Amino acid sequence: FIWENYYHAREHVNEYDLTVFARETQGDLFGRFFETHYQRGYTLEE
């Protein structure tokens, strides 16, 4: 996998783009898929 992070400081939101290469069920071929996730950081006070 390749996990690329992009932090948006104003919103305290971290965007991470996941690119994954996984072996197919049979043979030596690899499939590629992509997902984008968003997480927000919080302070203890919040």
All heavy atoms as atom14 arrays in JSON, in Angstrom:
{
  "sequence": "FIWENYYHAREHVNEYDLTVFARETQGDLFGRFFETHYQRGYTLEE",
  "atom14_mask": [
    [1, 1, 1, 1, 1, 1, 1, 1, 1, 1, 1, 0, 0, 0],
    [1, 1, 1, 1, 1, 1, 1, 1, 0, 0, 0, 0, 0, 0],
    [1, 1, 1, 1, 1, 1, 1, 1, 1, 1, 1, 1, 1, 1],
    [1, 1, 1, 1, 1, 1, 1, 1, 1, 0, 0, 0, 0, 0],
    [1, 1, 1, 1, 1, 1, 1, 1, 0, 0, 0, 0, 0, 0],
    [1, 1, 1, 1, 1, 1, 1, 1, 1, 1, 1, 1, 0, 0],
    [1, 1, 1, 1, 1, 1, 1, 1, 1, 1, 1, 1, 0, 0],
    [1, 1, 1, 1, 1, 1, 1, 1, 1, 1, 0, 0, 0, 0],
    [1, 1, 1, 1, 1, 0, 0, 0, 0, 0, 0, 0, 0, 0],
    [1, 1, 1, 1, 1, 1, 1, 1, 1, 1, 1, 0, 0, 0],
    [1, 1, 1, 1, 1, 1, 1, 1, 1, 0, 0, 0, 0, 0],
    [1, 1, 1, 1, 1, 1, 1, 1, 1, 1, 0, 0, 0, 0],
    [1, 1, 1, 1, 1, 1, 1, 0, 0, 0, 0, 0, 0, 0],
    [1, 1, 1, 1, 1, 1, 1, 1, 0, 0, 0, 0, 0, 0],
    [1, 1, 1, 1, 1, 1, 1, 1, 1, 0, 0, 0, 0, 0],
    [1, 1, 1, 1, 1, 1, 1, 1, 1, 1, 1, 1, 0, 0],
    [1, 1, 1, 1, 1, 1, 1, 1, 0, 0, 0, 0, 0, 0],
    [1, 1, 1, 1, 1, 1, 1, 1, 0, 0, 0, 0, 0, 0],
    [1, 1, 1, 1, 1, 1, 1, 0, 0, 0, 0, 0, 0, 0],
    [1, 1, 1, 1, 1, 1, 1, 0, 0, 0, 0, 0, 0, 0],
    [1, 1, 1, 1, 1, 1, 1, 1, 1, 1, 1, 0, 0, 0],
    [1, 1, 1, 1, 1, 0, 0, 0, 0, 0, 0, 0, 0, 0],
    [1, 1, 1, 1, 1, 1, 1, 1, 1, 1, 1, 0, 0, 0],
    [1, 1, 1, 1, 1, 1, 1, 1, 1, 0, 0, 0, 0, 0],
    [1, 1, 1, 1, 1, 1, 1, 0, 0, 0, 0, 0, 0, 0],
    [1, 1, 1, 1, 1, 1, 1, 1, 1, 0, 0, 0, 0, 0],
    [1, 1, 1, 1, 0, 0, 0, 0, 0, 0, 0, 0, 0, 0],
    [1, 1, 1, 1, 1, 1, 1, 1, 0, 0, 0, 0, 0, 0],
    [1, 1, 1, 1, 1, 1, 1, 1, 0, 0, 0, 0, 0, 0],
    [1, 1, 1, 1, 1, 1, 1, 1, 1, 1, 1, 0, 0, 0],
    [1, 1, 1, 1, 0, 0, 0, 0, 0, 0, 0, 0, 0, 0],
    [1, 1, 1, 1, 1, 1, 1, 1, 1, 1, 1, 0, 0, 0],
    [1, 1, 1, 1, 1, 1, 1, 1, 1, 1, 1, 0, 0, 0],
    [1, 1, 1, 1, 1, 1, 1, 1, 1, 1, 1, 0, 0, 0],
    [1, 1, 1, 1, 1, 1, 1, 1, 1, 0, 0, 0, 0, 0],
    [1, 1, 1, 1, 1, 1, 1, 0, 0, 0, 0, 0, 0, 0],
    [1, 1, 1, 1, 1, 1, 1, 1, 1, 1, 0, 0, 0, 0],
    [1, 1, 1, 1, 1, 1, 1, 1, 1, 1, 1, 1, 0, 0],
    [1, 1, 1, 1, 1, 1, 1, 1, 1, 0, 0, 0, 0, 0],
    [1, 1, 1, 1, 1, 1, 1, 1, 1, 1, 1, 0, 0, 0],
    [1, 1, 1, 1, 0, 0, 0, 0, 0, 0, 0, 0, 0, 0],
    [1, 1, 1, 1, 1, 1, 1, 1, 1, 1, 1, 1, 0, 0],
    [1, 1, 1, 1, 1, 1, 1, 0, 0, 0, 0, 0, 0, 0],
    [1, 1, 1, 1, 1, 1, 1, 1, 0, 0, 0, 0, 0, 0],
    [1, 1, 1, 1, 1, 1, 1, 1, 1, 0, 0, 0, 0, 0],
    [1, 1, 1, 1, 1, 1, 1, 1, 1, 0, 0, 0, 0, 0]
  ],
  "atom14_positions": [
    [[0.82, -1.19, 0.0], [0.0, 0.0, 0.0], [0.86, 1.25, 0.0], [2.02, 1.24, 0.45], [-0.97, 0.03, 1.19], [-0.33, 0.37, 2.51], [-0.15, 1.69, 2.92], [0.08, -0.64, 3.37], [0.41, 2.0, 4.13], [0.66, -0.35, 4.6], [0.83, 0.98, 4.98], [0.0, 0.0, 0.0], [0.0, 0.0, 0.0], [0.0, 0.0, 0.0]],
    [[0.28, 2.32, -0.47], [0.84, 3.67, -0.37], [-0.2, 4.51, 0.36], [-1.35, 4.61, -0.07], [1.14, 4.27, -1.75], [2.11, 3.37, -2.52], [1.73, 5.67, -1.61], [2.29, 3.79, -3.98], [0.0, 0.0, 0.0], [0.0, 0.0, 0.0], [0.0, 0.0, 0.0], [0.0, 0.0, 0.0], [0.0, 0.0, 0.0], [0.0, 0.0, 0.0]],
    [[0.21, 5.11, 1.48], [-0.69, 5.88, 2.34], [-0.19, 7.32, 2.33], [0.82, 7.65, 2.94], [-0.7, 5.27, 3.73], [-1.41, 6.04, 4.79], [-2.22, 7.12, 4.63], [-1.39, 5.75, 6.19], [-2.7, 7.54, 5.84], [-2.21, 6.72, 6.81], [-0.76, 4.78, 6.97], [-2.4, 6.74, 8.19], [-0.96, 4.81, 8.34], [-1.77, 5.77, 8.95]],
    [[-0.9, 8.18, 1.62], [-0.52, 9.59, 1.49], [-1.42, 10.46, 2.36], [-2.65, 10.42, 2.23], [-0.62, 10.03, 0.03], [0.29, 9.25, -0.91], [0.04, 9.59, -2.35], [-0.96, 9.08, -2.91], [0.83, 10.36, -2.93], [0.0, 0.0, 0.0], [0.0, 0.0, 0.0], [0.0, 0.0, 0.0], [0.0, 0.0, 0.0], [0.0, 0.0, 0.0]],
    [[-0.81, 11.23, 3.25], [-1.54, 12.08, 4.19], [-1.5, 13.54, 3.74], [-0.45, 14.04, 3.32], [-0.93, 11.98, 5.59], [-1.13, 10.6, 6.2], [-2.15, 10.33, 6.81], [-0.14, 9.73, 6.05], [0.0, 0.0, 0.0], [0.0, 0.0, 0.0], [0.0, 0.0, 0.0], [0.0, 0.0, 0.0], [0.0, 0.0, 0.0], [0.0, 0.0, 0.0]],
    [[-2.63, 14.2, 3.91], [-2.72, 15.65, 3.62], [-3.48, 16.29, 4.77], [-4.67, 16.01, 4.97], [-3.45, 15.9, 2.3], [-2.85, 15.17, 1.13], [-3.37, 13.95, 0.71], [-1.75, 15.69, 0.44], [-2.81, 13.27, -0.35], [-1.19, 15.02, -0.63], [-1.73, 13.81, -1.02], [-1.17, 13.13, -2.08], [0.0, 0.0, 0.0], [0.0, 0.0, 0.0]],
    [[-2.79, 17.11, 5.53], [-3.4, 17.71, 6.71], [-3.99, 19.08, 6.4], [-3.3, 19.95, 5.85], [-2.37, 17.83, 7.84], [-2.96, 18.38, 9.12], [-3.94, 17.67, 9.81], [-2.54, 19.6, 9.63], [-4.49, 18.15, 10.97], [-3.09, 20.1, 10.8], [-4.07, 19.38, 11.46], [-4.62, 19.88, 12.62], [0.0, 0.0, 0.0], [0.0, 0.0, 0.0]],
    [[-5.26, 19.27, 6.75], [-5.95, 20.55, 6.55], [-6.02, 21.24, 7.91], [-6.88, 20.92, 8.75], [-7.35, 20.3, 5.99], [-7.34, 19.49, 4.72], [-7.04, 20.03, 3.49], [-7.57, 18.17, 4.5], [-7.11, 19.09, 2.56], [-7.42, 17.94, 3.15], [0.0, 0.0, 0.0], [0.0, 0.0, 0.0], [0.0, 0.0, 0.0], [0.0, 0.0, 0.0]],
    [[-5.12, 22.19, 8.11], [-4.91, 22.78, 9.44], [-6.14, 23.52, 9.95], [-6.46, 23.44, 11.15], [-3.7, 23.71, 9.4], [0.0, 0.0, 0.0], [0.0, 0.0, 0.0], [0.0, 0.0, 0.0], [0.0, 0.0, 0.0], [0.0, 0.0, 0.0], [0.0, 0.0, 0.0], [0.0, 0.0, 0.0], [0.0, 0.0, 0.0], [0.0, 0.0, 0.0]],
    [[-6.83, 24.24, 9.09], [-7.97, 25.03, 9.55], [-9.04, 24.15, 10.2], [-9.6, 24.49, 11.23], [-8.57, 25.82, 8.39], [-9.74, 26.71, 8.81], [-10.39, 27.33, 7.57], [-9.47, 28.21, 6.87], [-9.31, 29.5, 7.16], [-10.0, 30.05, 8.14], [-8.45, 30.23, 6.47], [0.0, 0.0, 0.0], [0.0, 0.0, 0.0], [0.0, 0.0, 0.0]],
    [[-9.32, 23.02, 9.55], [-10.38, 22.13, 10.06], [-9.85, 21.05, 11.0], [-10.63, 20.28, 11.55], [-11.09, 21.45, 8.88], [-11.75, 22.41, 7.91], [-10.79, 22.9, 6.84], [-9.62, 22.45, 6.84], [-11.2, 23.74, 6.01], [0.0, 0.0, 0.0], [0.0, 0.0, 0.0], [0.0, 0.0, 0.0], [0.0, 0.0, 0.0], [0.0, 0.0, 0.0]],
    [[-8.52, 20.97, 11.16], [-7.89, 19.89, 11.94], [-8.25, 18.53, 11.36], [-8.35, 17.54, 12.09], [-8.3, 19.96, 13.41], [-7.8, 21.17, 14.12], [-8.29, 21.57, 15.35], [-6.85, 22.1, 13.78], [-7.67, 22.67, 15.74], [-6.79, 23.0, 14.8], [0.0, 0.0, 0.0], [0.0, 0.0, 0.0], [0.0, 0.0, 0.0], [0.0, 0.0, 0.0]],
    [[-8.42, 18.47, 10.05], [-8.81, 17.23, 9.37], [-7.63, 16.67, 8.59], [-6.96, 17.4, 7.84], [-10.0, 17.47, 8.42], [-10.24, 16.25, 7.53], [-11.26, 17.77, 9.22], [0.0, 0.0, 0.0], [0.0, 0.0, 0.0], [0.0, 0.0, 0.0], [0.0, 0.0, 0.0], [0.0, 0.0, 0.0], [0.0, 0.0, 0.0], [0.0, 0.0, 0.0]],
    [[-7.41, 15.37, 8.77], [-6.37, 14.68, 8.02], [-7.02, 13.84, 6.92], [-7.87, 12.99, 7.19], [-5.54, 13.77, 8.94], [-4.32, 13.22, 8.24], [-3.43, 13.98, 7.88], [-4.26, 11.9, 8.06], [0.0, 0.0, 0.0], [0.0, 0.0, 0.0], [0.0, 0.0, 0.0], [0.0, 0.0, 0.0], [0.0, 0.0, 0.0], [0.0, 0.0, 0.0]],
    [[-6.64, 14.12, 5.7], [-7.1, 13.32, 4.56], [-6.02, 12.31, 4.23], [-4.86, 12.67, 4.08], [-7.34, 14.23, 3.35], [-7.62, 13.5, 2.05], [-7.67, 14.44, 0.86], [-7.73, 15.67, 1.07], [-7.62, 13.93, -0.28], [0.0, 0.0, 0.0], [0.0, 0.0, 0.0], [0.0, 0.0, 0.0], [0.0, 0.0, 0.0], [0.0, 0.0, 0.0]],
    [[-6.39, 11.05, 4.13], [-5.38, 10.11, 3.67], [-5.92, 9.24, 2.55], [-7.02, 8.71, 2.6], [-4.75, 9.28, 4.79], [-5.61, 8.43, 5.67], [-5.79, 7.08, 5.4], [-6.17, 8.95, 6.84], [-6.52, 6.28, 6.24], [-6.91, 8.15, 7.69], [-7.09, 6.81, 7.39], [-7.82, 6.01, 8.23], [0.0, 0.0, 0.0], [0.0, 0.0, 0.0]],
    [[-5.09, 9.23, 1.49], [-5.41, 8.49, 0.28], [-4.66, 7.17, 0.3], [-3.42, 7.15, 0.38], [-5.01, 9.29, -0.96], [-5.79, 10.6, -1.07], [-6.9, 10.67, -0.5], [-5.29, 11.54, -1.71], [0.0, 0.0, 0.0], [0.0, 0.0, 0.0], [0.0, 0.0, 0.0], [0.0, 0.0, 0.0], [0.0, 0.0, 0.0], [0.0, 0.0, 0.0]],
    [[-5.41, 6.09, 0.24], [-4.84, 4.75, 0.27], [-4.88, 4.12, -1.11], [-5.95, 4.0, -1.72], [-5.63, 3.86, 1.23], [-5.35, 4.01, 2.73], [-6.43, 3.28, 3.52], [-3.98, 3.45, 3.08], [0.0, 0.0, 0.0], [0.0, 0.0, 0.0], [0.0, 0.0, 0.0], [0.0, 0.0, 0.0], [0.0, 0.0, 0.0], [0.0, 0.0, 0.0]],
    [[-3.72, 3.75, -1.6], [-3.64, 2.98, -2.84], [-3.11, 1.6, -2.47], [-2.02, 1.48, -1.9], [-2.7, 3.64, -3.86], [-3.15, 4.98, -4.11], [-2.68, 2.86, -5.16], [0.0, 0.0, 0.0], [0.0, 0.0, 0.0], [0.0, 0.0, 0.0], [0.0, 0.0, 0.0], [0.0, 0.0, 0.0], [0.0, 0.0, 0.0], [0.0, 0.0, 0.0]],
    [[-3.89, 0.57, -2.77], [-3.54, -0.79, -2.37], [-3.44, -1.68, -3.6], [-4.27, -1.6, -4.5], [-4.58, -1.36, -1.4], [-4.25, -2.81, -1.03], [-4.68, -0.5, -0.14], [0.0, 0.0, 0.0], [0.0, 0.0, 0.0], [0.0, 0.0, 0.0], [0.0, 0.0, 0.0], [0.0, 0.0, 0.0], [0.0, 0.0, 0.0], [0.0, 0.0, 0.0]],
    [[-2.39, -2.49, -3.6], [-2.21, -3.51, -4.63], [-2.3, -4.87, -3.93], [-1.5, -5.16, -3.04], [-0.86, -3.36, -5.32], [-0.66, -2.03, -6.0], [-0.17, -0.94, -5.29], [-0.99, -1.86, -7.34], [0.01, 0.29, -5.91], [-0.83, -0.62, -7.96], [-0.33, 0.44, -7.25], [0.0, 0.0, 0.0], [0.0, 0.0, 0.0], [0.0, 0.0, 0.0]],
    [[-3.29, -5.67, -4.33], [-3.5, -6.96, -3.67], [-3.54, -8.09, -4.69], [-4.14, -7.94, -5.77], [-4.8, -6.94, -2.88], [0.0, 0.0, 0.0], [0.0, 0.0, 0.0], [0.0, 0.0, 0.0], [0.0, 0.0, 0.0], [0.0, 0.0, 0.0], [0.0, 0.0, 0.0], [0.0, 0.0, 0.0], [0.0, 0.0, 0.0], [0.0, 0.0, 0.0]],
    [[-2.9, -9.2, -4.33], [-2.86, -10.35, -5.23], [-4.28, -10.9, -5.43], [-5.06, -11.02, -4.48], [-1.96, -11.45, -4.65], [-1.72, -12.62, -5.61], [-0.96, -13.74, -4.91], [0.34, -13.31, -4.45], [1.45, -13.32, -5.19], [1.38, -13.74, -6.44], [2.6, -12.92, -4.69], [0.0, 0.0, 0.0], [0.0, 0.0, 0.0], [0.0, 0.0, 0.0]],
    [[-4.6, -11.22, -6.67], [-5.89, -11.82, -6.97], [-5.96, -13.23, -6.36], [-4.93, -13.82, -6.01], [-6.11, -11.89, -8.47], [-6.05, -10.55, -9.19], [-7.26, -9.68, -8.9], [-8.2, -10.18, -8.25], [-7.27, -8.51, -9.33], [0.0, 0.0, 0.0], [0.0, 0.0, 0.0], [0.0, 0.0, 0.0], [0.0, 0.0, 0.0], [0.0, 0.0, 0.0]],
    [[-7.16, -13.75, -6.25], [-7.35, -15.06, -5.62], [-6.54, -16.15, -6.31], [-5.96, -17.02, -5.66], [-8.84, -15.45, -5.63], [-9.61, -14.42, -5.02], [-9.07, -16.75, -4.88], [0.0, 0.0, 0.0], [0.0, 0.0, 0.0], [0.0, 0.0, 0.0], [0.0, 0.0, 0.0], [0.0, 0.0, 0.0], [0.0, 0.0, 0.0], [0.0, 0.0, 0.0]],
    [[-6.46, -16.1, -7.61], [-5.7, -17.1, -8.36], [-4.66, -16.39, -9.24], [-4.92, -15.32, -9.8], [-6.63, -17.95, -9.23], [-7.63, -18.78, -8.42], [-8.54, -19.58, -9.32], [-8.59, -19.37, -10.51], [-9.25, -20.54, -8.73], [0.0, 0.0, 0.0], [0.0, 0.0, 0.0], [0.0, 0.0, 0.0], [0.0, 0.0, 0.0], [0.0, 0.0, 0.0]],
    [[-3.5, -17.0, -9.34], [-2.47, -16.48, -10.23], [-1.61, -15.41, -9.58], [-1.66, -15.18, -8.37], [0.0, 0.0, 0.0], [0.0, 0.0, 0.0], [0.0, 0.0, 0.0], [0.0, 0.0, 0.0], [0.0, 0.0, 0.0], [0.0, 0.0, 0.0], [0.0, 0.0, 0.0], [0.0, 0.0, 0.0], [0.0, 0.0, 0.0], [0.0, 0.0, 0.0]],
    [[-0.8, -14.76, -10.43], [0.15, -13.76, -9.95], [-0.27, -12.34, -10.28], [0.53, -11.4, -10.17], [1.53, -14.03, -10.55], [2.13, -15.34, -10.04], [1.86, -15.68, -8.87], [2.84, -16.0, -10.82], [0.0, 0.0, 0.0], [0.0, 0.0, 0.0], [0.0, 0.0, 0.0], [0.0, 0.0, 0.0], [0.0, 0.0, 0.0], [0.0, 0.0, 0.0]],
    [[-1.51, -12.16, -10.69], [-1.99, -10.82, -11.0], [-2.37, -10.07, -9.73], [-2.87, -10.66, -8.77], [-3.21, -10.89, -11.93], [-2.97, -11.47, -13.33], [-4.28, -11.52, -14.1], [-1.93, -10.64, -14.08], [0.0, 0.0, 0.0], [0.0, 0.0, 0.0], [0.0, 0.0, 0.0], [0.0, 0.0, 0.0], [0.0, 0.0, 0.0], [0.0, 0.0, 0.0]],
    [[-2.11, -8.76, -9.73], [-2.46, -7.92, -8.59], [-3.54, -6.91, -9.03], [-3.43, -6.28, -10.09], [-1.23, -7.15, -8.08], [-0.31, -7.98, -7.25], [0.49, -8.97, -7.83], [-0.23, -7.8, -5.87], [1.35, -9.74, -7.07], [0.62, -8.56, -5.11], [1.41, -9.54, -5.69], [0.0, 0.0, 0.0], [0.0, 0.0, 0.0], [0.0, 0.0, 0.0]],
    [[-4.55, -6.77, -8.18], [-5.56, -5.75, -8.42], [-5.2, -4.48, -7.68], [-4.54, -4.51, -6.64], [0.0, 0.0, 0.0], [0.0, 0.0, 0.0], [0.0, 0.0, 0.0], [0.0, 0.0, 0.0], [0.0, 0.0, 0.0], [0.0, 0.0, 0.0], [0.0, 0.0, 0.0], [0.0, 0.0, 0.0], [0.0, 0.0, 0.0], [0.0, 0.0, 0.0]],
    [[-5.59, -3.34, -8.23], [-5.33, -2.05, -7.62], [-6.65, -1.39, -7.24], [-7.6, -1.39, -8.02], [-4.57, -1.13, -8.59], [-4.33, 0.29, -8.1], [-3.67, 1.1, -9.19], [-3.42, 2.48, -8.78], [-4.3, 3.48, -8.86], [-5.52, 3.22, -9.35], [-3.98, 4.7, -8.47], [0.0, 0.0, 0.0], [0.0, 0.0, 0.0], [0.0, 0.0, 0.0]],
    [[-6.71, -0.87, -6.0], [-7.89, -0.11, -5.62], [-7.47, 1.08, -4.76], [-6.36, 1.14, -4.22], [-8.94, -0.98, -4.9], [-8.45, -1.66, -3.66], [-8.47, -1.02, -2.43], [-7.99, -2.97, -3.7], [-8.04, -1.66, -1.28], [-7.56, -3.62, -2.55], [-7.58, -2.96, -1.34], [0.0, 0.0, 0.0], [0.0, 0.0, 0.0], [0.0, 0.0, 0.0]],
    [[-8.38, 2.01, -4.64], [-8.08, 3.3, -4.02], [-9.23, 3.71, -3.1], [-10.39, 3.55, -3.45], [-7.88, 4.35, -5.12], [-7.58, 5.74, -4.62], [-6.29, 6.12, -4.3], [-8.6, 6.67, -4.49], [-6.02, 7.4, -3.86], [-8.34, 7.96, -4.05], [-7.05, 8.32, -3.73], [0.0, 0.0, 0.0], [0.0, 0.0, 0.0], [0.0, 0.0, 0.0]],
    [[-8.87, 4.21, -1.91], [-9.87, 4.75, -0.99], [-9.34, 6.04, -0.36], [-8.14, 6.15, -0.11], [-10.19, 3.75, 0.14], [-11.01, 2.57, -0.3], [-11.47, 1.71, 0.88], [-11.3, 2.13, 2.06], [-12.0, 0.63, 0.63], [0.0, 0.0, 0.0], [0.0, 0.0, 0.0], [0.0, 0.0, 0.0], [0.0, 0.0, 0.0], [0.0, 0.0, 0.0]],
    [[-10.24, 6.96, -0.1], [-9.89, 8.19, 0.62], [-10.62, 8.21, 1.96], [-11.83, 7.99, 2.02], [-10.27, 9.44, -0.19], [-9.52, 9.45, -1.41], [-9.96, 10.7, 0.59], [0.0, 0.0, 0.0], [0.0, 0.0, 0.0], [0.0, 0.0, 0.0], [0.0, 0.0, 0.0], [0.0, 0.0, 0.0], [0.0, 0.0, 0.0], [0.0, 0.0, 0.0]],
    [[-9.86, 8.46, 3.03], [-10.42, 8.52, 4.37], [-10.16, 9.91, 4.94], [-9.16, 10.56, 4.61], [-9.76, 7.49, 5.28], [-10.04, 6.07, 4.89], [-10.49, 5.14, 5.8], [-9.95, 5.42, 3.71], [-10.65, 3.97, 5.19], [-10.32, 4.13, 3.92], [0.0, 0.0, 0.0], [0.0, 0.0, 0.0], [0.0, 0.0, 0.0], [0.0, 0.0, 0.0]],
    [[-11.06, 10.33, 5.84], [-10.89, 11.61, 6.52], [-11.04, 11.38, 8.02], [-11.98, 10.72, 8.48], [-11.94, 12.62, 6.06], [-11.85, 13.0, 4.61], [-12.58, 12.31, 3.64], [-11.02, 14.04, 4.2], [-12.48, 12.65, 2.3], [-10.93, 14.39, 2.85], [-11.66, 13.69, 1.91], [-11.57, 14.03, 0.58], [0.0, 0.0, 0.0], [0.0, 0.0, 0.0]],
    [[-10.09, 11.92, 8.77], [-10.17, 11.88, 10.22], [-9.88, 13.28, 10.77], [-9.05, 14.01, 10.22], [-9.16, 10.89, 10.81], [-9.48, 9.43, 10.54], [-8.54, 8.51, 11.29], [-7.39, 8.85, 11.59], [-9.01, 7.32, 11.59], [0.0, 0.0, 0.0], [0.0, 0.0, 0.0], [0.0, 0.0, 0.0], [0.0, 0.0, 0.0], [0.0, 0.0, 0.0]],
    [[-10.55, 13.6, 11.85], [-10.34, 14.9, 12.49], [-9.63, 14.71, 13.82], [-9.98, 13.83, 14.61], [-11.67, 15.61, 12.71], [-11.53, 16.94, 13.45], [-12.86, 17.6, 13.69], [-12.75, 18.65, 14.7], [-13.78, 19.31, 15.22], [-15.0, 19.02, 14.81], [-13.59, 20.23, 16.13], [0.0, 0.0, 0.0], [0.0, 0.0, 0.0], [0.0, 0.0, 0.0]],
    [[-8.62, 15.54, 14.07], [-7.96, 15.54, 15.36], [-8.73, 16.39, 16.35], [-9.33, 17.41, 15.99], [0.0, 0.0, 0.0], [0.0, 0.0, 0.0], [0.0, 0.0, 0.0], [0.0, 0.0, 0.0], [0.0, 0.0, 0.0], [0.0, 0.0, 0.0], [0.0, 0.0, 0.0], [0.0, 0.0, 0.0], [0.0, 0.0, 0.0], [0.0, 0.0, 0.0]],
    [[-8.69, 15.98, 17.62], [-9.38, 16.71, 18.68], [-8.42, 17.01, 19.82], [-7.46, 16.28, 20.06], [-10.56, 15.9, 19.21], [-11.71, 15.81, 18.23], [-11.84, 14.7, 17.39], [-12.64, 16.83, 18.12], [-12.88, 14.61, 16.47], [-13.69, 16.75, 17.21], [-13.81, 15.65, 16.4], [-14.83, 15.58, 15.49], [0.0, 0.0, 0.0], [0.0, 0.0, 0.0]],
    [[-8.69, 18.08, 20.53], [-7.94, 18.38, 21.74], [-8.61, 17.7, 22.92], [-9.81, 17.37, 22.87], [-7.87, 19.89, 22.0], [-9.2, 20.38, 22.29], [-7.31, 20.64, 20.79], [0.0, 0.0, 0.0], [0.0, 0.0, 0.0], [0.0, 0.0, 0.0], [0.0, 0.0, 0.0], [0.0, 0.0, 0.0], [0.0, 0.0, 0.0], [0.0, 0.0, 0.0]],
    [[-7.87, 17.53, 23.99], [-8.44, 16.94, 25.19], [-9.57, 17.81, 25.72], [-10.62, 17.3, 26.14], [-7.36, 16.77, 26.25], [-7.82, 16.25, 27.61], [-8.55, 14.92, 27.48], [-6.63, 16.12, 28.56], [0.0, 0.0, 0.0], [0.0, 0.0, 0.0], [0.0, 0.0, 0.0], [0.0, 0.0, 0.0], [0.0, 0.0, 0.0], [0.0, 0.0, 0.0]],
    [[-9.39, 19.11, 25.69], [-10.43, 20.02, 26.17], [-11.73, 19.83, 25.39], [-12.82, 19.81, 25.97], [-9.96, 21.47, 26.07], [-10.98, 22.48, 26.58], [-10.5, 23.92, 26.45], [-9.45, 24.13, 25.8], [-11.18, 24.82, 26.98], [0.0, 0.0, 0.0], [0.0, 0.0, 0.0], [0.0, 0.0, 0.0], [0.0, 0.0, 0.0], [0.0, 0.0, 0.0]],
    [[-11.62, 19.69, 24.07], [-12.8, 19.48, 23.25], [-13.52, 18.19, 23.64], [-14.75, 18.16, 23.81], [-12.42, 19.43, 21.77], [-12.06, 20.77, 21.16], [-11.55, 20.67, 19.75], [-10.86, 19.67, 19.41], [-11.84, 21.59, 18.96], [0.0, 0.0, 0.0], [0.0, 0.0, 0.0], [0.0, 0.0, 0.0], [0.0, 0.0, 0.0], [0.0, 0.0, 0.0]]
  ]
}
